[in-house]
Amino acid sequence: MICNNCGYEFEGNFCPMCGTSVSTHLNNNPYAGNYQTQYNPPYQSYNNPKPRKRKKGVVLAIVLVSVVALASAAMYIAPLGLFACFDFIDRMDIADKVETHTITESAVLEQFRYSIENVSYTDTYNDDKPQNGYEFMKVKLRITNISKSGNYVSSETDVYVDDLLYEEYDDMEDYIDHELAAGKTMISERVYEIPKNRSKIELDIRGTYDIFGNTVIKFNILED
């Protein structure tokens, strides 16, 4: 018998689940005994739940966020790898290839020919005065593009006085970076504050793109 009150199937005079008597079932069901019915309790419908379908918009949003996150990580990691590569190259003890020249000679570095146009000494520069015992040295470099196409002049310059490094005056850049057409020449002036009492001056020029060759051209402005 199926209990009309709770739907539990049982045998006997009372429903063991809710306590309803058989007489109550018969009184409330005028068609009792005339047919049998199959009843599935409500809780049985949860035995095999239907799978939930994700909305396409949610899935697309998740994929988009993941792609953006991966792209951002790649943009951050790639420069670190590049810097690490250059740092590794910089730490490699690659011997410099030094070419020594006199002040009247010229030298070729990458696609350019370098020579010293003029060297002069003065006690004033742009209304500035040097410290006691020092003077300003102005070096004019002549740089010619000897290739058949336009190229960027990219080189670093260092001045050594008695083997001691002196930087450009007044925070001037210690490198040359300028585009130069084929066959054209430029003049770059470098200014240094150096001691008057000296016995040797040299100007070193290194190509910034020449990371593996480390070629240095050295001009002896003043020799012992």
C-alpha atoms as a PDB file:
ATOM      1  CA  MET A   1       0.000   0.000   0.000  1.00  0.00           C
ATOM      2  CA  ILE A   2       1.130   3.562  -0.755  1.00  0.00           C
ATOM      3  CA  CYS A   3       0.593   6.096   2.010  1.00  0.00           C
ATOM      4  CA  ASN A   4      -1.522   8.975   0.758  1.00  0.00           C
ATOM      5  CA  ASN A   5       0.039  11.261   3.333  1.00  0.00           C
ATOM      6  CA  CYS A   6       3.789  10.770   2.752  1.00  0.00           C
ATOM      7  CA  GLY A   7       3.984   8.423  -0.226  1.00  0.00           C
ATOM      8  CA  TYR A   8       5.788   5.652   1.604  1.00  0.00           C
ATOM      9  CA  GLU A   9       5.031   2.097   0.504  1.00  0.00           C
ATOM     10  CA  PHE A  10       4.238  -0.201   3.403  1.00  0.00           C
ATOM     11  CA  GLU A  11       2.299  -3.234   4.597  1.00  0.00           C
ATOM     12  CA  GLY A  12       0.188  -3.285   7.719  1.00  0.00           C
ATOM     13  CA  ASN A  13      -2.398  -1.086   9.406  1.00  0.00           C
ATOM     14  CA  PHE A  14      -0.254   1.979   9.965  1.00  0.00           C
ATOM     15  CA  CYS A  15       2.321   3.847   7.860  1.00  0.00           C
ATOM     16  CA  PRO A  16       5.730   3.392   9.622  1.00  0.00           C
ATOM     17  CA  MET A  17       6.904   6.795   8.310  1.00  0.00           C
ATOM     18  CA  CYS A  18       4.113   9.184   9.290  1.00  0.00           C
ATOM     19  CA  GLY A  19       1.779   6.946  11.403  1.00  0.00           C
ATOM     20  CA  THR A  20      -1.309   7.362   9.209  1.00  0.00           C
ATOM     21  CA  SER A  21      -3.762   4.434   9.630  1.00  0.00           C
ATOM     22  CA  VAL A  22      -5.031   2.232   6.847  1.00  0.00           C
ATOM     23  CA  SER A  23      -8.588   3.332   7.526  1.00  0.00           C
ATOM     24  CA  THR A  24      -7.632   6.924   6.900  1.00  0.00           C
ATOM     25  CA  HIS A  25      -6.146   5.915   3.589  1.00  0.00           C
ATOM     26  CA  LEU A  26      -9.302   4.110   2.610  1.00  0.00           C
ATOM     27  CA  ASN A  27     -11.583   6.925   3.731  1.00  0.00           C
ATOM     28  CA  ASN A  28      -9.552   9.565   1.884  1.00  0.00           C
ATOM     29  CA  ASN A  29      -9.140   7.490  -1.278  1.00  0.00           C
ATOM     30  CA  PRO A  30     -12.495   6.390  -2.703  1.00  0.00           C
ATOM     31  CA  TYR A  31     -10.687   4.523  -5.459  1.00  0.00           C
ATOM     32  CA  ALA A  32      -8.483   2.529  -3.155  1.00  0.00           C
ATOM     33  CA  GLY A  33      -8.135  -1.119  -4.150  1.00  0.00           C
ATOM     34  CA  ASN A  34      -9.346  -0.498  -7.702  1.00  0.00           C
ATOM     35  CA  TYR A  35      -5.842   0.063  -9.116  1.00  0.00           C
ATOM     36  CA  GLN A  36      -2.249   0.136  -8.165  1.00  0.00           C
ATOM     37  CA  THR A  37      -0.060   3.098  -8.794  1.00  0.00           C
ATOM     38  CA  GLN A  38       3.693   3.432  -8.906  1.00  0.00           C
ATOM     39  CA  TYR A  39       5.014   6.310  -6.834  1.00  0.00           C
ATOM     40  CA  ASN A  40       8.551   7.635  -6.841  1.00  0.00           C
ATOM     41  CA  PRO A  41       9.421   9.598  -3.702  1.00  0.00           C
ATOM     42  CA  PRO A  42      10.625  13.146  -4.349  1.00  0.00           C
ATOM     43  CA  TYR A  43      14.096  12.480  -2.944  1.00  0.00           C
ATOM     44  CA  GLN A  44      14.755   9.851  -5.627  1.00  0.00           C
ATOM     45  CA  SER A  45      14.836  12.566  -8.304  1.00  0.00           C
ATOM     46  CA  TYR A  46      18.212  13.765  -6.928  1.00  0.00           C
ATOM     47  CA  ASN A  47      19.950  10.418  -7.420  1.00  0.00           C
ATOM     48  CA  ASN A  48      20.997  11.365 -10.980  1.00  0.00           C
ATOM     49  CA  PRO A  49      21.164  15.163 -11.148  1.00  0.00           C
ATOM     50  CA  LYS A  50      21.411  16.743 -14.571  1.00  0.00           C
ATOM     51  CA  PRO A  51      24.829  18.266 -15.324  1.00  0.00           C
ATOM     52  CA  ARG A  52      24.923  22.037 -15.106  1.00  0.00           C
ATOM     53  CA  LYS A  53      25.862  23.808 -18.294  1.00  0.00           C
ATOM     54  CA  ARG A  54      28.341  26.687 -18.076  1.00  0.00           C
ATOM     55  CA  LYS A  55      27.317  29.791 -19.866  1.00  0.00           C
ATOM     56  CA  LYS A  56      29.427  30.526 -22.937  1.00  0.00           C
ATOM     57  CA  GLY A  57      30.046  34.085 -21.775  1.00  0.00           C
ATOM     58  CA  VAL A  58      31.577  32.909 -18.498  1.00  0.00           C
ATOM     59  CA  VAL A  59      33.859  30.419 -20.269  1.00  0.00           C
ATOM     60  CA  LEU A  60      34.957  33.065 -22.775  1.00  0.00           C
ATOM     61  CA  ALA A  61      35.728  35.511 -19.973  1.00  0.00           C
ATOM     62  CA  ILE A  62      37.854  32.924 -18.160  1.00  0.00           C
ATOM     63  CA  VAL A  63      39.803  32.145 -21.345  1.00  0.00           C
ATOM     64  CA  LEU A  64      40.335  35.853 -22.068  1.00  0.00           C
ATOM     65  CA  VAL A  65      41.608  36.569 -18.553  1.00  0.00           C
ATOM     66  CA  SER A  66      43.993  33.603 -18.795  1.00  0.00           C
ATOM     67  CA  VAL A  67      45.391  34.793 -22.126  1.00  0.00           C
ATOM     68  CA  VAL A  68      45.915  38.327 -20.806  1.00  0.00           C
ATOM     69  CA  ALA A  69      47.640  36.979 -17.690  1.00  0.00           C
ATOM     70  CA  LEU A  70      49.984  34.801 -19.739  1.00  0.00           C
ATOM     71  CA  ALA A  71      50.779  37.669 -22.115  1.00  0.00           C
ATOM     72  CA  SER A  72      51.536  40.001 -19.210  1.00  0.00           C
ATOM     73  CA  ALA A  73      53.817  37.420 -17.634  1.00  0.00           C
ATOM     74  CA  ALA A  74      55.633  36.915 -20.932  1.00  0.00           C
ATOM     75  CA  MET A  75      56.148  40.682 -21.346  1.00  0.00           C
ATOM     76  CA  TYR A  76      57.643  40.825 -17.860  1.00  0.00           C
ATOM     77  CA  ILE A  77      59.820  37.720 -18.124  1.00  0.00           C
ATOM     78  CA  ALA A  78      61.173  38.323 -21.654  1.00  0.00           C
ATOM     79  CA  PRO A  79      63.083  41.547 -20.782  1.00  0.00           C
ATOM     80  CA  LEU A  80      64.503  39.829 -17.702  1.00  0.00           C
ATOM     81  CA  GLY A  81      65.819  37.067 -19.896  1.00  0.00           C
ATOM     82  CA  LEU A  82      67.301  39.597 -22.321  1.00  0.00           C
ATOM     83  CA  PHE A  83      68.964  41.528 -19.495  1.00  0.00           C
ATOM     84  CA  ALA A  84      70.318  38.281 -18.080  1.00  0.00           C
ATOM     85  CA  CYS A  85      71.769  37.435 -21.492  1.00  0.00           C
ATOM     86  CA  PHE A  86      73.545  40.791 -21.779  1.00  0.00           C
ATOM     87  CA  ASP A  87      74.708  40.506 -18.187  1.00  0.00           C
ATOM     88  CA  PHE A  88      76.172  37.102 -18.980  1.00  0.00           C
ATOM     89  CA  ILE A  89      77.953  38.533 -22.013  1.00  0.00           C
ATOM     90  CA  ASP A  90      79.228  41.439 -19.938  1.00  0.00           C
ATOM     91  CA  ARG A  91      80.607  39.030 -17.330  1.00  0.00           C
ATOM     92  CA  MET A  92      82.438  37.015 -19.971  1.00  0.00           C
ATOM     93  CA  ASP A  93      86.109  37.850 -19.765  1.00  0.00           C
ATOM     94  CA  ILE A  94      86.488  38.658 -23.457  1.00  0.00           C
ATOM     95  CA  ALA A  95      89.819  40.310 -24.165  1.00  0.00           C
ATOM     96  CA  ASP A  96      89.623  43.760 -25.752  1.00  0.00           C
ATOM     97  CA  LYS A  97      91.047  44.183 -29.204  1.00  0.00           C
ATOM     98  CA  VAL A  98      92.905  47.481 -28.801  1.00  0.00           C
ATOM     99  CA  GLU A  99      94.094  49.538 -31.759  1.00  0.00           C
ATOM    100  CA  THR A 100      96.448  52.345 -30.766  1.00  0.00           C
ATOM    101  CA  HIS A 101      96.812  55.452 -32.918  1.00  0.00           C
ATOM    102  CA  THR A 102      98.504  58.795 -32.755  1.00  0.00           C
ATOM    103  CA  ILE A 103      96.590  62.044 -32.675  1.00  0.00           C
ATOM    104  CA  THR A 104      97.186  62.586 -36.405  1.00  0.00           C
ATOM    105  CA  GLU A 105      95.950  59.158 -37.533  1.00  0.00           C
ATOM    106  CA  SER A 106      92.437  57.844 -38.226  1.00  0.00           C
ATOM    107  CA  ALA A 107      90.824  54.552 -37.276  1.00  0.00           C
ATOM    108  CA  VAL A 108      87.841  52.510 -38.468  1.00  0.00           C
ATOM    109  CA  LEU A 109      85.274  51.165 -36.002  1.00  0.00           C
ATOM    110  CA  GLU A 110      82.248  49.316 -37.384  1.00  0.00           C
ATOM    111  CA  GLN A 111      81.009  51.377 -40.372  1.00  0.00           C
ATOM    112  CA  PHE A 112      82.690  54.648 -39.350  1.00  0.00           C
ATOM    113  CA  ARG A 113      86.064  56.318 -39.591  1.00  0.00           C
ATOM    114  CA  TYR A 114      87.174  58.272 -36.512  1.00  0.00           C
ATOM    115  CA  SER A 115      89.850  60.934 -36.293  1.00  0.00           C
ATOM    116  CA  ILE A 116      90.693  63.799 -33.938  1.00  0.00           C
ATOM    117  CA  GLU A 117      89.904  67.105 -35.609  1.00  0.00           C
ATOM    118  CA  ASN A 118      91.276  69.330 -32.859  1.00  0.00           C
ATOM    119  CA  VAL A 119      92.337  69.396 -29.208  1.00  0.00           C
ATOM    120  CA  SER A 120      92.372  72.641 -27.226  1.00  0.00           C
ATOM    121  CA  TYR A 121      92.754  73.714 -23.599  1.00  0.00           C
ATOM    122  CA  THR A 122      91.016  76.609 -21.872  1.00  0.00           C
ATOM    123  CA  ASP A 123      90.389  78.100 -18.437  1.00  0.00           C
ATOM    124  CA  THR A 124      86.704  78.815 -19.150  1.00  0.00           C
ATOM    125  CA  TYR A 125      83.852  76.824 -20.639  1.00  0.00           C
ATOM    126  CA  ASN A 126      80.347  78.271 -20.923  1.00  0.00           C
ATOM    127  CA  ASP A 127      81.336  80.873 -18.296  1.00  0.00           C
ATOM    128  CA  ASP A 128      82.402  78.076 -15.913  1.00  0.00           C
ATOM    129  CA  LYS A 129      85.770  78.004 -14.191  1.00  0.00           C
ATOM    130  CA  PRO A 130      87.671  74.764 -13.434  1.00  0.00           C
ATOM    131  CA  GLN A 131      88.810  73.873  -9.962  1.00  0.00           C
ATOM    132  CA  ASN A 132      92.293  74.872  -8.849  1.00  0.00           C
ATOM    133  CA  GLY A 133      95.032  73.064 -10.711  1.00  0.00           C
ATOM    134  CA  TYR A 134      92.660  71.949 -13.491  1.00  0.00           C
ATOM    135  CA  GLU A 135      91.687  73.156 -16.956  1.00  0.00           C
ATOM    136  CA  PHE A 136      89.167  72.244 -19.622  1.00  0.00           C
ATOM    137  CA  MET A 137      90.176  70.068 -22.557  1.00  0.00           C
ATOM    138  CA  LYS A 138      87.985  70.180 -25.643  1.00  0.00           C
ATOM    139  CA  VAL A 139      88.288  67.324 -28.119  1.00  0.00           C
ATOM    140  CA  LYS A 140      86.614  67.518 -31.529  1.00  0.00           C
ATOM    141  CA  LEU A 141      86.027  64.124 -33.106  1.00  0.00           C
ATOM    142  CA  ARG A 142      85.501  63.768 -36.839  1.00  0.00           C
ATOM    143  CA  ILE A 143      83.267  60.791 -37.644  1.00  0.00           C
ATOM    144  CA  THR A 144      82.567  59.711 -41.239  1.00  0.00           C
ATOM    145  CA  ASN A 145      80.118  57.053 -42.411  1.00  0.00           C
ATOM    146  CA  ILE A 146      82.175  55.002 -44.873  1.00  0.00           C
ATOM    147  CA  SER A 147      79.358  52.549 -45.693  1.00  0.00           C
ATOM    148  CA  LYS A 148      76.915  52.762 -48.604  1.00  0.00           C
ATOM    149  CA  SER A 149      73.852  53.239 -46.407  1.00  0.00           C
ATOM    150  CA  GLY A 150      72.725  55.381 -43.502  1.00  0.00           C
ATOM    151  CA  ASN A 151      73.724  54.083 -40.067  1.00  0.00           C
ATOM    152  CA  TYR A 152      73.593  55.110 -36.443  1.00  0.00           C
ATOM    153  CA  VAL A 153      76.836  56.243 -34.865  1.00  0.00           C
ATOM    154  CA  SER A 154      76.765  54.482 -31.516  1.00  0.00           C
ATOM    155  CA  SER A 155      79.977  54.587 -29.506  1.00  0.00           C
ATOM    156  CA  GLU A 156      81.278  55.298 -26.003  1.00  0.00           C
ATOM    157  CA  THR A 157      84.178  57.645 -25.296  1.00  0.00           C
ATOM    158  CA  ASP A 158      86.515  57.574 -22.290  1.00  0.00           C
ATOM    159  CA  VAL A 159      89.440  59.853 -21.463  1.00  0.00           C
ATOM    160  CA  TYR A 160      92.302  58.664 -19.276  1.00  0.00           C
ATOM    161  CA  VAL A 161      94.825  61.075 -17.791  1.00  0.00           C
ATOM    162  CA  ASP A 162      97.822  59.182 -16.426  1.00  0.00           C
ATOM    163  CA  ASP A 163      95.641  56.032 -16.501  1.00  0.00           C
ATOM    164  CA  LEU A 164      92.926  57.692 -14.391  1.00  0.00           C
ATOM    165  CA  LEU A 165      89.439  57.906 -15.932  1.00  0.00           C
ATOM    166  CA  TYR A 166      87.851  61.363 -16.267  1.00  0.00           C
ATOM    167  CA  GLU A 167      84.207  61.737 -17.212  1.00  0.00           C
ATOM    168  CA  GLU A 168      82.702  64.357 -19.504  1.00  0.00           C
ATOM    169  CA  TYR A 169      82.252  67.743 -17.920  1.00  0.00           C
ATOM    170  CA  ASP A 170      78.932  68.900 -16.472  1.00  0.00           C
ATOM    171  CA  ASP A 171      77.182  65.534 -16.812  1.00  0.00           C
ATOM    172  CA  MET A 172      77.624  65.364 -20.571  1.00  0.00           C
ATOM    173  CA  GLU A 173      76.792  61.996 -22.069  1.00  0.00           C
ATOM    174  CA  ASP A 174      79.796  59.696 -22.435  1.00  0.00           C
ATOM    175  CA  TYR A 175      78.443  58.177 -25.646  1.00  0.00           C
ATOM    176  CA  ILE A 176      77.678  59.284 -29.182  1.00  0.00           C
ATOM    177  CA  ASP A 177      74.339  58.256 -30.656  1.00  0.00           C
ATOM    178  CA  HIS A 178      73.350  59.892 -33.913  1.00  0.00           C
ATOM    179  CA  GLU A 179      72.119  58.884 -37.359  1.00  0.00           C
ATOM    180  CA  LEU A 180      74.556  59.608 -40.176  1.00  0.00           C
ATOM    181  CA  ALA A 181      73.844  59.284 -43.893  1.00  0.00           C
ATOM    182  CA  ALA A 182      76.158  57.356 -46.199  1.00  0.00           C
ATOM    183  CA  GLY A 183      79.377  59.240 -46.954  1.00  0.00           C
ATOM    184  CA  LYS A 184      78.535  62.071 -44.541  1.00  0.00           C
ATOM    185  CA  THR A 185      80.673  63.442 -41.702  1.00  0.00           C
ATOM    186  CA  MET A 186      79.818  64.818 -38.278  1.00  0.00           C
ATOM    187  CA  ILE A 187      81.855  66.648 -35.639  1.00  0.00           C
ATOM    188  CA  SER A 188      81.315  65.709 -32.004  1.00  0.00           C
ATOM    189  CA  GLU A 189      82.857  67.886 -29.281  1.00  0.00           C
ATOM    190  CA  ARG A 190      83.754  66.313 -25.960  1.00  0.00           C
ATOM    191  CA  VAL A 191      84.759  68.428 -22.936  1.00  0.00           C
ATOM    192  CA  TYR A 192      86.740  67.219 -19.924  1.00  0.00           C
ATOM    193  CA  GLU A 193      88.038  68.886 -16.785  1.00  0.00           C
ATOM    194  CA  ILE A 194      91.533  67.482 -16.287  1.00  0.00           C
ATOM    195  CA  PRO A 195      94.578  68.356 -14.140  1.00  0.00           C
ATOM    196  CA  LYS A 196      97.213  70.663 -15.612  1.00  0.00           C
ATOM    197  CA  ASN A 197     100.007  68.512 -14.276  1.00  0.00           C
ATOM    198  CA  ARG A 198      99.914  65.385 -16.440  1.00  0.00           C
ATOM    199  CA  SER A 199     102.197  63.273 -18.548  1.00  0.00           C
ATOM    200  CA  LYS A 200      99.808  61.129 -20.599  1.00  0.00           C
ATOM    201  CA  ILE A 201      96.332  61.570 -22.116  1.00  0.00           C
ATOM    202  CA  GLU A 202      94.483  58.965 -24.148  1.00  0.00           C
ATOM    203  CA  LEU A 203      91.019  58.874 -25.688  1.00  0.00           C
ATOM    204  CA  ASP A 204      89.339  55.466 -25.956  1.00  0.00           C
ATOM    205  CA  ILE A 205      86.403  54.830 -28.285  1.00  0.00           C
ATOM    206  CA  ARG A 206      84.322  51.653 -28.107  1.00  0.00           C
ATOM    207  CA  GLY A 207      81.406  50.663 -30.343  1.00  0.00           C
ATOM    208  CA  THR A 208      78.296  49.987 -28.244  1.00  0.00           C
ATOM    209  CA  TYR A 209      76.989  47.390 -30.734  1.00  0.00           C
ATOM    210  CA  ASP A 210      80.278  45.487 -30.717  1.00  0.00           C
ATOM    211  CA  ILE A 211      79.411  43.374 -27.643  1.00  0.00           C
ATOM    212  CA  PHE A 212      81.348  40.301 -28.751  1.00  0.00           C
ATOM    213  CA  GLY A 213      84.400  41.810 -30.419  1.00  0.00           C
ATOM    214  CA  ASN A 214      85.109  44.499 -27.773  1.00  0.00           C
ATOM    215  CA  THR A 215      87.166  46.494 -30.232  1.00  0.00           C
ATOM    216  CA  VAL A 216      88.667  49.657 -28.750  1.00  0.00           C
ATOM    217  CA  ILE A 217      90.439  52.358 -30.711  1.00  0.00           C
ATOM    218  CA  LYS A 218      92.846  54.393 -28.605  1.00  0.00           C
ATOM    219  CA  PHE A 219      94.154  57.825 -29.540  1.00  0.00           C
ATOM    220  CA  ASN A 220      97.261  59.004 -27.695  1.00  0.00           C
ATOM    221  CA  ILE A 221      96.603  62.730 -27.315  1.00  0.00           C
ATOM    222  CA  LEU A 222      99.636  63.234 -25.091  1.00  0.00           C
ATOM    223  CA  GLU A 223     102.382  60.657 -24.717  1.00  0.00           C
ATOM    224  CA  ASP A 224     105.104  60.341 -22.119  1.00  0.00           C
END
